Amino acid sequence: MGELLKKRICRMAFKLQRGVAALILSIGMIGCAGLGGGSTSSAQVDPQKMVADLAAARWEALIKGDFAKAYSYLSPGTRDVMSLDLYKAKIRGGIWKKANVDSVSCEQDQCKVLMAIEYSYRDIKSLETRLDENWLRQDGKWWFAPRR
């Protein structure tokens, strides 16, 4: 009986984790957040390091619930079509606990960032998922470009 219960709990946890991962990905697709546009000295700094720092700072703002700061990291094009109020309405904070940059790979003016996100969902205190993020350089600054 105990083994059957363990299997059911594991299946339920896996389904919850998949559902929450989909939720987080959909948040990213609607403009999860983007760091307020990088440094003007981007030519002097390694793009991978700069984008890793920006991605970490963006997630720090999300975790703290500072959605206005997180909004400032969105690409100018995203901010043109999504107001701060709409952005705040689409973001559901309070579930994220930690975020770490796993890897960054850049080609010219585009970087892909793999984030490890720790979050809680209902009674489950600690789940982890991986999220891919797109960062683009425009006018010498790096911006988070959510998927649409």
C-alpha atoms as a PDB file:
ATOM      1  CA  MET A   1       0.000   0.000   0.000  1.00  0.00           C
ATOM      2  CA  GLY A   2       2.816   2.420   0.850  1.00  0.00           C
ATOM      3  CA  GLU A   3       4.529   1.898  -2.502  1.00  0.00           C
ATOM      4  CA  LEU A   4       1.308   2.608  -4.396  1.00  0.00           C
ATOM      5  CA  LEU A   5       0.832   5.841  -2.442  1.00  0.00           C
ATOM      6  CA  LYS A   6       4.415   6.893  -3.211  1.00  0.00           C
ATOM      7  CA  LYS A   7       3.849   6.312  -6.927  1.00  0.00           C
ATOM      8  CA  ARG A   8       0.630   8.340  -6.897  1.00  0.00           C
ATOM      9  CA  ILE A   9       2.296  11.220  -5.063  1.00  0.00           C
ATOM     10  CA  CYS A  10       5.205  11.183  -7.509  1.00  0.00           C
ATOM     11  CA  ARG A  11       2.803  11.241 -10.476  1.00  0.00           C
ATOM     12  CA  MET A  12       0.835  14.114  -8.945  1.00  0.00           C
ATOM     13  CA  ALA A  13       4.020  16.087  -8.227  1.00  0.00           C
ATOM     14  CA  PHE A  14       5.230  15.544 -11.794  1.00  0.00           C
ATOM     15  CA  LYS A  15       1.910  16.735 -13.229  1.00  0.00           C
ATOM     16  CA  LEU A  16       1.943  19.794 -10.962  1.00  0.00           C
ATOM     17  CA  GLN A  17       5.520  20.582 -11.936  1.00  0.00           C
ATOM     18  CA  ARG A  18       4.651  20.334 -15.640  1.00  0.00           C
ATOM     19  CA  GLY A  19       1.633  22.580 -15.135  1.00  0.00           C
ATOM     20  CA  VAL A  20       3.601  25.173 -13.207  1.00  0.00           C
ATOM     21  CA  ALA A  21       6.413  25.064 -15.759  1.00  0.00           C
ATOM     22  CA  ALA A  22       3.837  25.723 -18.484  1.00  0.00           C
ATOM     23  CA  LEU A  23       2.453  28.609 -16.420  1.00  0.00           C
ATOM     24  CA  ILE A  24       5.889  30.134 -16.000  1.00  0.00           C
ATOM     25  CA  LEU A  25       6.652  29.684 -19.692  1.00  0.00           C
ATOM     26  CA  SER A  26       3.379  31.348 -20.629  1.00  0.00           C
ATOM     27  CA  ILE A  27       4.215  34.249 -18.343  1.00  0.00           C
ATOM     28  CA  GLY A  28       7.506  34.560 -20.188  1.00  0.00           C
ATOM     29  CA  MET A  29       5.656  34.501 -23.467  1.00  0.00           C
ATOM     30  CA  ILE A  30       3.508  37.466 -22.473  1.00  0.00           C
ATOM     31  CA  GLY A  31       6.406  39.515 -21.293  1.00  0.00           C
ATOM     32  CA  CYS A  32       7.598  37.981 -18.096  1.00  0.00           C
ATOM     33  CA  ALA A  33      10.118  40.719 -17.571  1.00  0.00           C
ATOM     34  CA  GLY A  34      13.221  42.159 -19.030  1.00  0.00           C
ATOM     35  CA  LEU A  35      16.072  43.984 -17.546  1.00  0.00           C
ATOM     36  CA  GLY A  36      16.276  47.684 -18.128  1.00  0.00           C
ATOM     37  CA  GLY A  37      18.569  47.550 -20.975  1.00  0.00           C
ATOM     38  CA  GLY A  38      22.156  46.830 -20.227  1.00  0.00           C
ATOM     39  CA  SER A  39      25.138  49.080 -19.984  1.00  0.00           C
ATOM     40  CA  THR A  40      26.394  51.627 -22.472  1.00  0.00           C
ATOM     41  CA  SER A  41      29.883  50.114 -22.202  1.00  0.00           C
ATOM     42  CA  SER A  42      28.732  46.789 -23.652  1.00  0.00           C
ATOM     43  CA  ALA A  43      31.623  46.723 -26.132  1.00  0.00           C
ATOM     44  CA  GLN A  44      34.075  46.542 -23.202  1.00  0.00           C
ATOM     45  CA  VAL A  45      32.285  43.770 -21.322  1.00  0.00           C
ATOM     46  CA  ASP A  46      31.906  40.140 -22.337  1.00  0.00           C
ATOM     47  CA  PRO A  47      28.337  39.788 -23.679  1.00  0.00           C
ATOM     48  CA  GLN A  48      27.797  36.474 -21.841  1.00  0.00           C
ATOM     49  CA  LYS A  49      28.751  38.045 -18.500  1.00  0.00           C
ATOM     50  CA  MET A  50      26.675  41.160 -19.092  1.00  0.00           C
ATOM     51  CA  VAL A  51      23.566  39.235 -20.145  1.00  0.00           C
ATOM     52  CA  ALA A  52      23.979  36.771 -17.263  1.00  0.00           C
ATOM     53  CA  ASP A  53      24.067  39.706 -14.827  1.00  0.00           C
ATOM     54  CA  LEU A  54      21.019  41.315 -16.454  1.00  0.00           C
ATOM     55  CA  ALA A  55      19.031  38.075 -16.435  1.00  0.00           C
ATOM     56  CA  ALA A  56      19.875  37.513 -12.754  1.00  0.00           C
ATOM     57  CA  ALA A  57      18.893  41.080 -11.861  1.00  0.00           C
ATOM     58  CA  ARG A  58      15.609  40.763 -13.777  1.00  0.00           C
ATOM     59  CA  TRP A  59      14.709  37.647 -11.850  1.00  0.00           C
ATOM     60  CA  GLU A  60      15.735  39.286  -8.592  1.00  0.00           C
ATOM     61  CA  ALA A  61      13.197  42.039  -9.331  1.00  0.00           C
ATOM     62  CA  LEU A  62      10.512  39.444 -10.098  1.00  0.00           C
ATOM     63  CA  ILE A  63      11.212  37.527  -6.899  1.00  0.00           C
ATOM     64  CA  LYS A  64      11.027  40.738  -4.856  1.00  0.00           C
ATOM     65  CA  GLY A  65       7.765  41.691  -6.569  1.00  0.00           C
ATOM     66  CA  ASP A  66       9.276  44.831  -8.125  1.00  0.00           C
ATOM     67  CA  PHE A  67       7.359  44.470 -11.385  1.00  0.00           C
ATOM     68  CA  ALA A  68       8.042  48.048 -12.473  1.00  0.00           C
ATOM     69  CA  LYS A  69      11.770  47.315 -12.396  1.00  0.00           C
ATOM     70  CA  ALA A  70      11.259  43.977 -14.152  1.00  0.00           C
ATOM     71  CA  TYR A  71       9.195  45.775 -16.802  1.00  0.00           C
ATOM     72  CA  SER A  72      12.073  48.143 -17.473  1.00  0.00           C
ATOM     73  CA  TYR A  73      14.138  45.216 -18.786  1.00  0.00           C
ATOM     74  CA  LEU A  74      11.651  44.418 -21.547  1.00  0.00           C
ATOM     75  CA  SER A  75      12.703  45.298 -25.061  1.00  0.00           C
ATOM     76  CA  PRO A  76      11.487  48.675 -26.321  1.00  0.00           C
ATOM     77  CA  GLY A  77       9.250  46.920 -28.859  1.00  0.00           C
ATOM     78  CA  THR A  78       7.574  44.875 -26.134  1.00  0.00           C
ATOM     79  CA  ARG A  79       7.045  47.953 -23.980  1.00  0.00           C
ATOM     80  CA  ASP A  80       5.504  49.711 -27.013  1.00  0.00           C
ATOM     81  CA  VAL A  81       2.729  47.112 -27.161  1.00  0.00           C
ATOM     82  CA  MET A  82       2.380  46.307 -23.442  1.00  0.00           C
ATOM     83  CA  SER A  83       1.797  48.955 -20.801  1.00  0.00           C
ATOM     84  CA  LEU A  84       3.167  48.610 -17.282  1.00  0.00           C
ATOM     85  CA  ASP A  85      -0.370  48.143 -15.958  1.00  0.00           C
ATOM     86  CA  LEU A  86      -1.066  45.328 -18.412  1.00  0.00           C
ATOM     87  CA  TYR A  87       2.293  43.748 -17.582  1.00  0.00           C
ATOM     88  CA  LYS A  88       1.544  43.865 -13.844  1.00  0.00           C
ATOM     89  CA  ALA A  89      -1.886  42.343 -14.452  1.00  0.00           C
ATOM     90  CA  LYS A  90      -0.355  39.415 -16.343  1.00  0.00           C
ATOM     91  CA  ILE A  91       2.382  38.650 -13.810  1.00  0.00           C
ATOM     92  CA  ARG A  92       1.498  36.543 -10.805  1.00  0.00           C
ATOM     93  CA  GLY A  93       4.278  36.947  -8.328  1.00  0.00           C
ATOM     94  CA  GLY A  94       4.927  35.301  -5.034  1.00  0.00           C
ATOM     95  CA  ILE A  95       5.717  31.823  -6.316  1.00  0.00           C
ATOM     96  CA  TRP A  96       9.368  32.299  -7.260  1.00  0.00           C
ATOM     97  CA  LYS A  97      11.968  31.622  -4.592  1.00  0.00           C
ATOM     98  CA  LYS A  98      15.317  31.577  -6.400  1.00  0.00           C
ATOM     99  CA  ALA A  99      16.722  32.042  -9.874  1.00  0.00           C
ATOM    100  CA  ASN A 100      20.155  31.106 -11.168  1.00  0.00           C
ATOM    101  CA  VAL A 101      21.722  31.499 -14.569  1.00  0.00           C
ATOM    102  CA  ASP A 102      22.709  28.035 -15.826  1.00  0.00           C
ATOM    103  CA  SER A 103      24.260  29.088 -19.122  1.00  0.00           C
ATOM    104  CA  VAL A 104      24.499  31.882 -21.672  1.00  0.00           C
ATOM    105  CA  SER A 105      25.348  31.520 -25.347  1.00  0.00           C
ATOM    106  CA  CYS A 106      25.623  34.530 -27.624  1.00  0.00           C
ATOM    107  CA  GLU A 107      25.868  35.085 -31.359  1.00  0.00           C
ATOM    108  CA  GLN A 108      26.278  38.667 -32.518  1.00  0.00           C
ATOM    109  CA  ASP A 109      23.380  40.679 -31.063  1.00  0.00           C
ATOM    110  CA  GLN A 110      21.401  37.784 -29.589  1.00  0.00           C
ATOM    111  CA  CYS A 111      21.906  35.679 -26.468  1.00  0.00           C
ATOM    112  CA  LYS A 112      20.098  32.613 -25.187  1.00  0.00           C
ATOM    113  CA  VAL A 113      19.984  32.268 -21.410  1.00  0.00           C
ATOM    114  CA  LEU A 114      19.050  29.075 -19.579  1.00  0.00           C
ATOM    115  CA  MET A 115      17.636  29.876 -16.133  1.00  0.00           C
ATOM    116  CA  ALA A 116      17.075  27.492 -13.217  1.00  0.00           C
ATOM    117  CA  ILE A 117      14.002  28.730 -11.368  1.00  0.00           C
ATOM    118  CA  GLU A 118      12.972  27.493  -7.934  1.00  0.00           C
ATOM    119  CA  TYR A 119       9.346  28.109  -7.052  1.00  0.00           C
ATOM    120  CA  SER A 120       6.555  26.899  -4.815  1.00  0.00           C
ATOM    121  CA  TYR A 121       3.130  25.752  -5.900  1.00  0.00           C
ATOM    122  CA  ARG A 122       0.261  25.152  -3.528  1.00  0.00           C
ATOM    123  CA  ASP A 123       1.546  22.873  -0.761  1.00  0.00           C
ATOM    124  CA  ILE A 124       4.742  21.981  -2.593  1.00  0.00           C
ATOM    125  CA  LYS A 125       7.449  24.198  -1.120  1.00  0.00           C
ATOM    126  CA  SER A 126      10.222  23.692  -3.635  1.00  0.00           C
ATOM    127  CA  LEU A 127      10.030  22.816  -7.306  1.00  0.00           C
ATOM    128  CA  GLU A 128      12.575  23.636  -9.967  1.00  0.00           C
ATOM    129  CA  THR A 129      12.272  24.192 -13.677  1.00  0.00           C
ATOM    130  CA  ARG A 130      14.481  25.440 -16.486  1.00  0.00           C
ATOM    131  CA  LEU A 131      13.484  28.351 -18.703  1.00  0.00           C
ATOM    132  CA  ASP A 132      15.064  29.595 -21.930  1.00  0.00           C
ATOM    133  CA  GLU A 133      15.208  33.351 -22.352  1.00  0.00           C
ATOM    134  CA  ASN A 134      16.031  35.507 -25.367  1.00  0.00           C
ATOM    135  CA  TRP A 135      18.097  38.666 -24.961  1.00  0.00           C
ATOM    136  CA  LEU A 136      18.731  41.075 -27.829  1.00  0.00           C
ATOM    137  CA  ARG A 137      21.181  43.939 -28.220  1.00  0.00           C
ATOM    138  CA  GLN A 138      19.640  47.081 -29.636  1.00  0.00           C
ATOM    139  CA  ASP A 139      21.464  50.405 -29.851  1.00  0.00           C
ATOM    140  CA  GLY A 140      24.273  49.000 -27.706  1.00  0.00           C
ATOM    141  CA  LYS A 141      21.980  47.851 -24.871  1.00  0.00           C
ATOM    142  CA  TRP A 142      20.745  44.388 -23.959  1.00  0.00           C
ATOM    143  CA  TRP A 143      17.003  43.763 -23.549  1.00  0.00           C
ATOM    144  CA  PHE A 144      14.860  40.808 -22.545  1.00  0.00           C
ATOM    145  CA  ALA A 145      12.694  39.742 -25.499  1.00  0.00           C
ATOM    146  CA  PRO A 146       9.853  37.504 -24.354  1.00  0.00           C
ATOM    147  CA  ARG A 147       8.445  34.915 -26.703  1.00  0.00           C
ATOM    148  CA  ARG A 148       5.076  35.747 -28.159  1.00  0.00           C
END
